[in-house]
């Protein structure tokens, strides 16, 4: 009966198909678990398209950076330059609302031996604040770092902000990665997985 109903009702069939397409797009963009945590799969060929690149050329610098898919992961790569008071490259993407219980961020990556920052941006009462956490990488080695939200520091143009609100998961609207280690030259960071979770979760 169901098959006959769908066959003889083109409008129903089209609406149902559209709903499945929209649902699949949302599910693929961010995998949302029952606990309210979010996992971003950076091995998906289209995931890099969700990210925006910001280089120091917005302030007169000449550093170059981009995020591309290399067949296995999303690769953040380019070349840092200190010319014209520059020296940074960054990528970022918007986030769906996080559960208030989230207190950790887990990042899986393969680095190049350089120092990077994981950055979270919040919007609260009309104000934007960016929080950062440094992390090191080992060249060619797959690593997994777990960051506590309580350890992130509020920053503005590289300087720490005194008296900033405590970082709360429910206020986080954007996640990003930045390199600004004051070392000119090429960089490459392969991003594999990014997960927002609670410390009570089991592996």
C-alpha atoms as a PDB file:
ATOM      1  CA  UNK A   1       0.000   0.000   0.000  1.00  0.00           C
ATOM      2  CA  UNK A   2       2.804   2.424   0.818  1.00  0.00           C
ATOM      3  CA  UNK A   3       4.545   1.850  -2.506  1.00  0.00           C
ATOM      4  CA  UNK A   4       1.316   2.407  -4.437  1.00  0.00           C
ATOM      5  CA  UNK A   5       0.599   5.590  -2.505  1.00  0.00           C
ATOM      6  CA  UNK A   6       3.996   7.075  -3.261  1.00  0.00           C
ATOM      7  CA  UNK A   7       3.843   6.050  -6.905  1.00  0.00           C
ATOM      8  CA  UNK A   8       0.492   7.712  -7.548  1.00  0.00           C
ATOM      9  CA  UNK A   9       1.251  10.886  -5.562  1.00  0.00           C
ATOM     10  CA  UNK A  10       4.166  12.707  -7.250  1.00  0.00           C
ATOM     11  CA  UNK A  11       3.955  15.656  -4.867  1.00  0.00           C
ATOM     12  CA  UNK A  12       4.293  13.402  -1.847  1.00  0.00           C
ATOM     13  CA  UNK A  13       7.204  11.579  -3.444  1.00  0.00           C
ATOM     14  CA  UNK A  14       9.012  14.819  -4.289  1.00  0.00           C
ATOM     15  CA  UNK A  15       8.448  16.293  -0.801  1.00  0.00           C
ATOM     16  CA  UNK A  16       9.628  13.107   0.868  1.00  0.00           C
ATOM     17  CA  UNK A  17      12.754  12.968  -1.289  1.00  0.00           C
ATOM     18  CA  UNK A  18      13.545  16.614  -0.579  1.00  0.00           C
ATOM     19  CA  UNK A  19      13.198  16.035   3.146  1.00  0.00           C
ATOM     20  CA  UNK A  20      15.647  13.135   2.993  1.00  0.00           C
ATOM     21  CA  UNK A  21      18.138  15.222   1.006  1.00  0.00           C
ATOM     22  CA  UNK A  22      17.995  18.087   3.526  1.00  0.00           C
ATOM     23  CA  UNK A  23      18.273  15.694   6.456  1.00  0.00           C
ATOM     24  CA  UNK A  24      21.270  13.959   4.888  1.00  0.00           C
ATOM     25  CA  UNK A  25      23.005  17.293   4.226  1.00  0.00           C
ATOM     26  CA  UNK A  26      22.659  18.373   7.849  1.00  0.00           C
ATOM     27  CA  UNK A  27      23.757  14.981   9.139  1.00  0.00           C
ATOM     28  CA  UNK A  28      26.836  14.909   6.918  1.00  0.00           C
ATOM     29  CA  UNK A  29      27.831  18.471   7.786  1.00  0.00           C
ATOM     30  CA  UNK A  30      27.869  17.863  11.535  1.00  0.00           C
ATOM     31  CA  UNK A  31      27.356  14.479  13.166  1.00  0.00           C
ATOM     32  CA  UNK A  32      25.260  15.224  16.259  1.00  0.00           C
ATOM     33  CA  UNK A  33      25.187  12.551  18.935  1.00  0.00           C
ATOM     34  CA  UNK A  34      22.410  11.854  21.412  1.00  0.00           C
ATOM     35  CA  UNK A  35      24.410  13.555  24.157  1.00  0.00           C
ATOM     36  CA  UNK A  36      24.341  16.824  22.195  1.00  0.00           C
ATOM     37  CA  UNK A  37      28.016  16.700  21.263  1.00  0.00           C
ATOM     38  CA  UNK A  38      29.177  17.358  17.696  1.00  0.00           C
ATOM     39  CA  UNK A  39      31.746  15.573  15.542  1.00  0.00           C
ATOM     40  CA  UNK A  40      33.155  17.156  12.387  1.00  0.00           C
ATOM     41  CA  UNK A  41      34.632  14.606   9.975  1.00  0.00           C
ATOM     42  CA  UNK A  42      37.436  16.306   8.077  1.00  0.00           C
ATOM     43  CA  UNK A  43      38.068  13.221   5.935  1.00  0.00           C
ATOM     44  CA  UNK A  44      34.882  14.016   4.009  1.00  0.00           C
ATOM     45  CA  UNK A  45      35.748  15.403   0.545  1.00  0.00           C
ATOM     46  CA  UNK A  46      33.333  18.335   0.878  1.00  0.00           C
ATOM     47  CA  UNK A  47      34.018  19.333   4.499  1.00  0.00           C
ATOM     48  CA  UNK A  48      36.744  21.832   3.587  1.00  0.00           C
ATOM     49  CA  UNK A  49      34.133  23.827   1.714  1.00  0.00           C
ATOM     50  CA  UNK A  50      32.471  24.700   5.044  1.00  0.00           C
ATOM     51  CA  UNK A  51      35.578  26.614   6.164  1.00  0.00           C
ATOM     52  CA  UNK A  52      36.666  30.190   5.470  1.00  0.00           C
ATOM     53  CA  UNK A  53      40.309  31.236   5.100  1.00  0.00           C
ATOM     54  CA  UNK A  54      41.627  34.479   6.620  1.00  0.00           C
ATOM     55  CA  UNK A  55      45.262  35.432   6.021  1.00  0.00           C
ATOM     56  CA  UNK A  56      47.262  38.405   7.260  1.00  0.00           C
ATOM     57  CA  UNK A  57      46.743  40.176   3.934  1.00  0.00           C
ATOM     58  CA  UNK A  58      43.621  41.680   5.519  1.00  0.00           C
ATOM     59  CA  UNK A  59      46.132  43.758   7.512  1.00  0.00           C
ATOM     60  CA  UNK A  60      48.750  44.244   4.787  1.00  0.00           C
ATOM     61  CA  UNK A  61      50.694  40.991   5.192  1.00  0.00           C
ATOM     62  CA  UNK A  62      51.545  38.543   2.419  1.00  0.00           C
ATOM     63  CA  UNK A  63      51.188  35.149   4.108  1.00  0.00           C
ATOM     64  CA  UNK A  64      49.314  32.527   2.107  1.00  0.00           C
ATOM     65  CA  UNK A  65      47.132  29.748   3.470  1.00  0.00           C
ATOM     66  CA  UNK A  66      44.302  27.546   2.289  1.00  0.00           C
ATOM     67  CA  UNK A  67      42.281  24.473   3.192  1.00  0.00           C
ATOM     68  CA  UNK A  68      41.958  21.723   0.589  1.00  0.00           C
ATOM     69  CA  UNK A  69      41.073  18.036   0.475  1.00  0.00           C
ATOM     70  CA  UNK A  70      44.115  15.869  -0.285  1.00  0.00           C
ATOM     71  CA  UNK A  71      42.214  12.617  -0.809  1.00  0.00           C
ATOM     72  CA  UNK A  72      42.414  11.519   2.824  1.00  0.00           C
ATOM     73  CA  UNK A  73      41.917  14.578   5.031  1.00  0.00           C
ATOM     74  CA  UNK A  74      41.454  18.345   4.996  1.00  0.00           C
ATOM     75  CA  UNK A  75      44.873  19.950   4.615  1.00  0.00           C
ATOM     76  CA  UNK A  76      45.556  23.415   6.036  1.00  0.00           C
ATOM     77  CA  UNK A  77      48.681  24.542   4.248  1.00  0.00           C
ATOM     78  CA  UNK A  78      50.531  27.518   2.857  1.00  0.00           C
ATOM     79  CA  UNK A  79      53.467  29.754   3.667  1.00  0.00           C
ATOM     80  CA  UNK A  80      53.882  32.195   6.516  1.00  0.00           C
ATOM     81  CA  UNK A  81      55.627  35.534   5.982  1.00  0.00           C
ATOM     82  CA  UNK A  82      56.574  38.166   8.519  1.00  0.00           C
ATOM     83  CA  UNK A  83      56.766  40.909   5.880  1.00  0.00           C
ATOM     84  CA  UNK A  84      54.670  44.046   6.375  1.00  0.00           C
ATOM     85  CA  UNK A  85      54.090  43.146  10.043  1.00  0.00           C
ATOM     86  CA  UNK A  86      52.246  40.005   8.961  1.00  0.00           C
ATOM     87  CA  UNK A  87      52.654  36.472  10.190  1.00  0.00           C
ATOM     88  CA  UNK A  88      49.394  34.542  10.429  1.00  0.00           C
ATOM     89  CA  UNK A  89      47.019  32.353   8.486  1.00  0.00           C
ATOM     90  CA  UNK A  90      43.752  30.930   9.778  1.00  0.00           C
ATOM     91  CA  UNK A  91      40.685  28.905   8.887  1.00  0.00           C
ATOM     92  CA  UNK A  92      37.279  28.858  10.582  1.00  0.00           C
ATOM     93  CA  UNK A  93      33.782  27.460  10.225  1.00  0.00           C
ATOM     94  CA  UNK A  94      30.424  28.059  11.946  1.00  0.00           C
ATOM     95  CA  UNK A  95      29.047  25.586  14.478  1.00  0.00           C
ATOM     96  CA  UNK A  96      25.623  24.416  15.432  1.00  0.00           C
ATOM     97  CA  UNK A  97      24.648  24.982  19.061  1.00  0.00           C
ATOM     98  CA  UNK A  98      26.639  22.890  21.507  1.00  0.00           C
ATOM     99  CA  UNK A  99      25.166  21.192  24.533  1.00  0.00           C
ATOM    100  CA  UNK A 100      25.851  23.019  27.794  1.00  0.00           C
ATOM    101  CA  UNK A 101      27.446  19.776  29.056  1.00  0.00           C
ATOM    102  CA  UNK A 102      30.296  19.945  26.533  1.00  0.00           C
ATOM    103  CA  UNK A 103      33.573  20.670  28.305  1.00  0.00           C
ATOM    104  CA  UNK A 104      36.205  19.223  25.955  1.00  0.00           C
ATOM    105  CA  UNK A 105      37.346  19.481  22.356  1.00  0.00           C
ATOM    106  CA  UNK A 106      39.152  16.554  20.740  1.00  0.00           C
ATOM    107  CA  UNK A 107      41.280  17.139  17.645  1.00  0.00           C
ATOM    108  CA  UNK A 108      42.889  14.410  15.521  1.00  0.00           C
ATOM    109  CA  UNK A 109      45.568  15.608  13.087  1.00  0.00           C
ATOM    110  CA  UNK A 110      48.918  15.011  11.410  1.00  0.00           C
ATOM    111  CA  UNK A 111      51.267  17.953  11.756  1.00  0.00           C
ATOM    112  CA  UNK A 112      54.583  19.298  10.548  1.00  0.00           C
ATOM    113  CA  UNK A 113      56.361  20.064  13.814  1.00  0.00           C
ATOM    114  CA  UNK A 114      55.044  23.619  14.089  1.00  0.00           C
ATOM    115  CA  UNK A 115      52.917  25.315  16.752  1.00  0.00           C
ATOM    116  CA  UNK A 116      49.232  26.020  16.050  1.00  0.00           C
ATOM    117  CA  UNK A 117      46.190  27.389  17.860  1.00  0.00           C
ATOM    118  CA  UNK A 118      42.724  25.916  18.189  1.00  0.00           C
ATOM    119  CA  UNK A 119      40.314  28.839  18.405  1.00  0.00           C
ATOM    120  CA  UNK A 120      36.699  29.124  19.537  1.00  0.00           C
ATOM    121  CA  UNK A 121      34.583  32.238  18.983  1.00  0.00           C
ATOM    122  CA  UNK A 122      31.548  33.143  21.062  1.00  0.00           C
ATOM    123  CA  UNK A 123      28.681  35.585  20.620  1.00  0.00           C
ATOM    124  CA  UNK A 124      26.992  36.716  23.802  1.00  0.00           C
ATOM    125  CA  UNK A 125      24.918  39.839  24.412  1.00  0.00           C
ATOM    126  CA  UNK A 126      25.967  41.114  20.985  1.00  0.00           C
ATOM    127  CA  UNK A 127      29.683  40.766  21.713  1.00  0.00           C
ATOM    128  CA  UNK A 128      32.193  38.485  19.991  1.00  0.00           C
ATOM    129  CA  UNK A 129      35.132  37.048  21.936  1.00  0.00           C
ATOM    130  CA  UNK A 130      37.766  34.664  20.594  1.00  0.00           C
ATOM    131  CA  UNK A 131      39.427  32.059  22.833  1.00  0.00           C
ATOM    132  CA  UNK A 132      42.609  30.188  21.924  1.00  0.00           C
ATOM    133  CA  UNK A 133      44.560  27.119  23.000  1.00  0.00           C
ATOM    134  CA  UNK A 134      48.065  26.453  21.645  1.00  0.00           C
ATOM    135  CA  UNK A 135      49.034  22.959  20.537  1.00  0.00           C
ATOM    136  CA  UNK A 136      52.251  21.521  19.173  1.00  0.00           C
ATOM    137  CA  UNK A 137      52.631  18.985  16.404  1.00  0.00           C
ATOM    138  CA  UNK A 138      55.150  16.275  15.567  1.00  0.00           C
ATOM    139  CA  UNK A 139      56.129  16.088  11.919  1.00  0.00           C
ATOM    140  CA  UNK A 140      54.403  13.245  10.102  1.00  0.00           C
ATOM    141  CA  UNK A 141      52.846  11.752  13.238  1.00  0.00           C
ATOM    142  CA  UNK A 142      49.130  11.232  13.773  1.00  0.00           C
ATOM    143  CA  UNK A 143      48.146  12.840  17.076  1.00  0.00           C
ATOM    144  CA  UNK A 144      45.037  13.298  19.185  1.00  0.00           C
ATOM    145  CA  UNK A 145      44.827  16.248  21.550  1.00  0.00           C
ATOM    146  CA  UNK A 146      42.001  16.739  24.044  1.00  0.00           C
ATOM    147  CA  UNK A 147      41.496  20.357  25.113  1.00  0.00           C
ATOM    148  CA  UNK A 148      39.566  21.421  28.205  1.00  0.00           C
ATOM    149  CA  UNK A 149      37.283  24.377  27.557  1.00  0.00           C
ATOM    150  CA  UNK A 150      38.362  25.795  30.913  1.00  0.00           C
ATOM    151  CA  UNK A 151      41.958  26.087  29.618  1.00  0.00           C
ATOM    152  CA  UNK A 152      41.156  28.329  26.633  1.00  0.00           C
ATOM    153  CA  UNK A 153      42.292  31.959  26.903  1.00  0.00           C
ATOM    154  CA  UNK A 154      40.440  34.990  25.571  1.00  0.00           C
ATOM    155  CA  UNK A 155      42.495  36.952  23.028  1.00  0.00           C
ATOM    156  CA  UNK A 156      42.263  39.997  20.769  1.00  0.00           C
ATOM    157  CA  UNK A 157      44.796  40.370  17.957  1.00  0.00           C
ATOM    158  CA  UNK A 158      47.174  38.018  19.718  1.00  0.00           C
ATOM    159  CA  UNK A 159      46.940  39.654  23.141  1.00  0.00           C
ATOM    160  CA  UNK A 160      45.285  38.102  26.175  1.00  0.00           C
ATOM    161  CA  UNK A 161      42.105  39.766  27.450  1.00  0.00           C
ATOM    162  CA  UNK A 162      41.819  40.289  31.204  1.00  0.00           C
ATOM    163  CA  UNK A 163      38.451  39.788  32.844  1.00  0.00           C
ATOM    164  CA  UNK A 164      36.834  37.994  29.888  1.00  0.00           C
ATOM    165  CA  UNK A 165      33.788  35.794  30.624  1.00  0.00           C
ATOM    166  CA  UNK A 166      34.437  32.113  31.304  1.00  0.00           C
ATOM    167  CA  UNK A 167      34.161  30.139  28.070  1.00  0.00           C
ATOM    168  CA  UNK A 168      30.828  28.292  27.994  1.00  0.00           C
ATOM    169  CA  UNK A 169      29.984  25.682  25.348  1.00  0.00           C
ATOM    170  CA  UNK A 170      26.505  27.068  24.748  1.00  0.00           C
ATOM    171  CA  UNK A 171      28.040  30.403  23.625  1.00  0.00           C
ATOM    172  CA  UNK A 172      30.448  28.896  21.057  1.00  0.00           C
ATOM    173  CA  UNK A 173      29.414  29.691  17.483  1.00  0.00           C
ATOM    174  CA  UNK A 174      32.640  29.171  15.523  1.00  0.00           C
ATOM    175  CA  UNK A 175      35.735  26.960  15.555  1.00  0.00           C
ATOM    176  CA  UNK A 176      39.035  27.688  13.855  1.00  0.00           C
ATOM    177  CA  UNK A 177      42.719  26.863  13.528  1.00  0.00           C
ATOM    178  CA  UNK A 178      45.459  29.479  13.305  1.00  0.00           C
ATOM    179  CA  UNK A 179      49.197  29.481  12.775  1.00  0.00           C
ATOM    180  CA  UNK A 180      51.160  32.481  14.044  1.00  0.00           C
ATOM    181  CA  UNK A 181      54.364  31.008  15.483  1.00  0.00           C
ATOM    182  CA  UNK A 182      56.600  33.824  14.157  1.00  0.00           C
ATOM    183  CA  UNK A 183      58.487  31.351  11.964  1.00  0.00           C
ATOM    184  CA  UNK A 184      58.400  32.212   8.245  1.00  0.00           C
ATOM    185  CA  UNK A 185      58.159  29.379   5.780  1.00  0.00           C
ATOM    186  CA  UNK A 186      55.835  26.629   4.591  1.00  0.00           C
ATOM    187  CA  UNK A 187      53.360  24.907   6.914  1.00  0.00           C
ATOM    188  CA  UNK A 188      50.975  21.967   6.577  1.00  0.00           C
ATOM    189  CA  UNK A 189      48.473  20.533   9.040  1.00  0.00           C
ATOM    190  CA  UNK A 190      46.264  17.615   8.038  1.00  0.00           C
ATOM    191  CA  UNK A 191      42.990  17.759   9.956  1.00  0.00           C
ATOM    192  CA  UNK A 192      41.188  14.438  10.446  1.00  0.00           C
ATOM    193  CA  UNK A 193      38.510  14.842  13.094  1.00  0.00           C
ATOM    194  CA  UNK A 194      37.172  17.486  15.454  1.00  0.00           C
ATOM    195  CA  UNK A 195      34.835  16.482  18.250  1.00  0.00           C
ATOM    196  CA  UNK A 196      33.101  18.487  20.971  1.00  0.00           C
ATOM    197  CA  UNK A 197      32.301  16.199  23.902  1.00  0.00           C
ATOM    198  CA  UNK A 198      31.832  15.831  27.644  1.00  0.00           C
ATOM    199  CA  UNK A 199      34.581  14.517  29.894  1.00  0.00           C
ATOM    200  CA  UNK A 200      32.250  11.715  31.013  1.00  0.00           C
ATOM    201  CA  UNK A 201      32.133  10.175  27.528  1.00  0.00           C
ATOM    202  CA  UNK A 202      33.869   6.852  26.982  1.00  0.00           C
ATOM    203  CA  UNK A 203      36.149   6.298  24.015  1.00  0.00           C
END
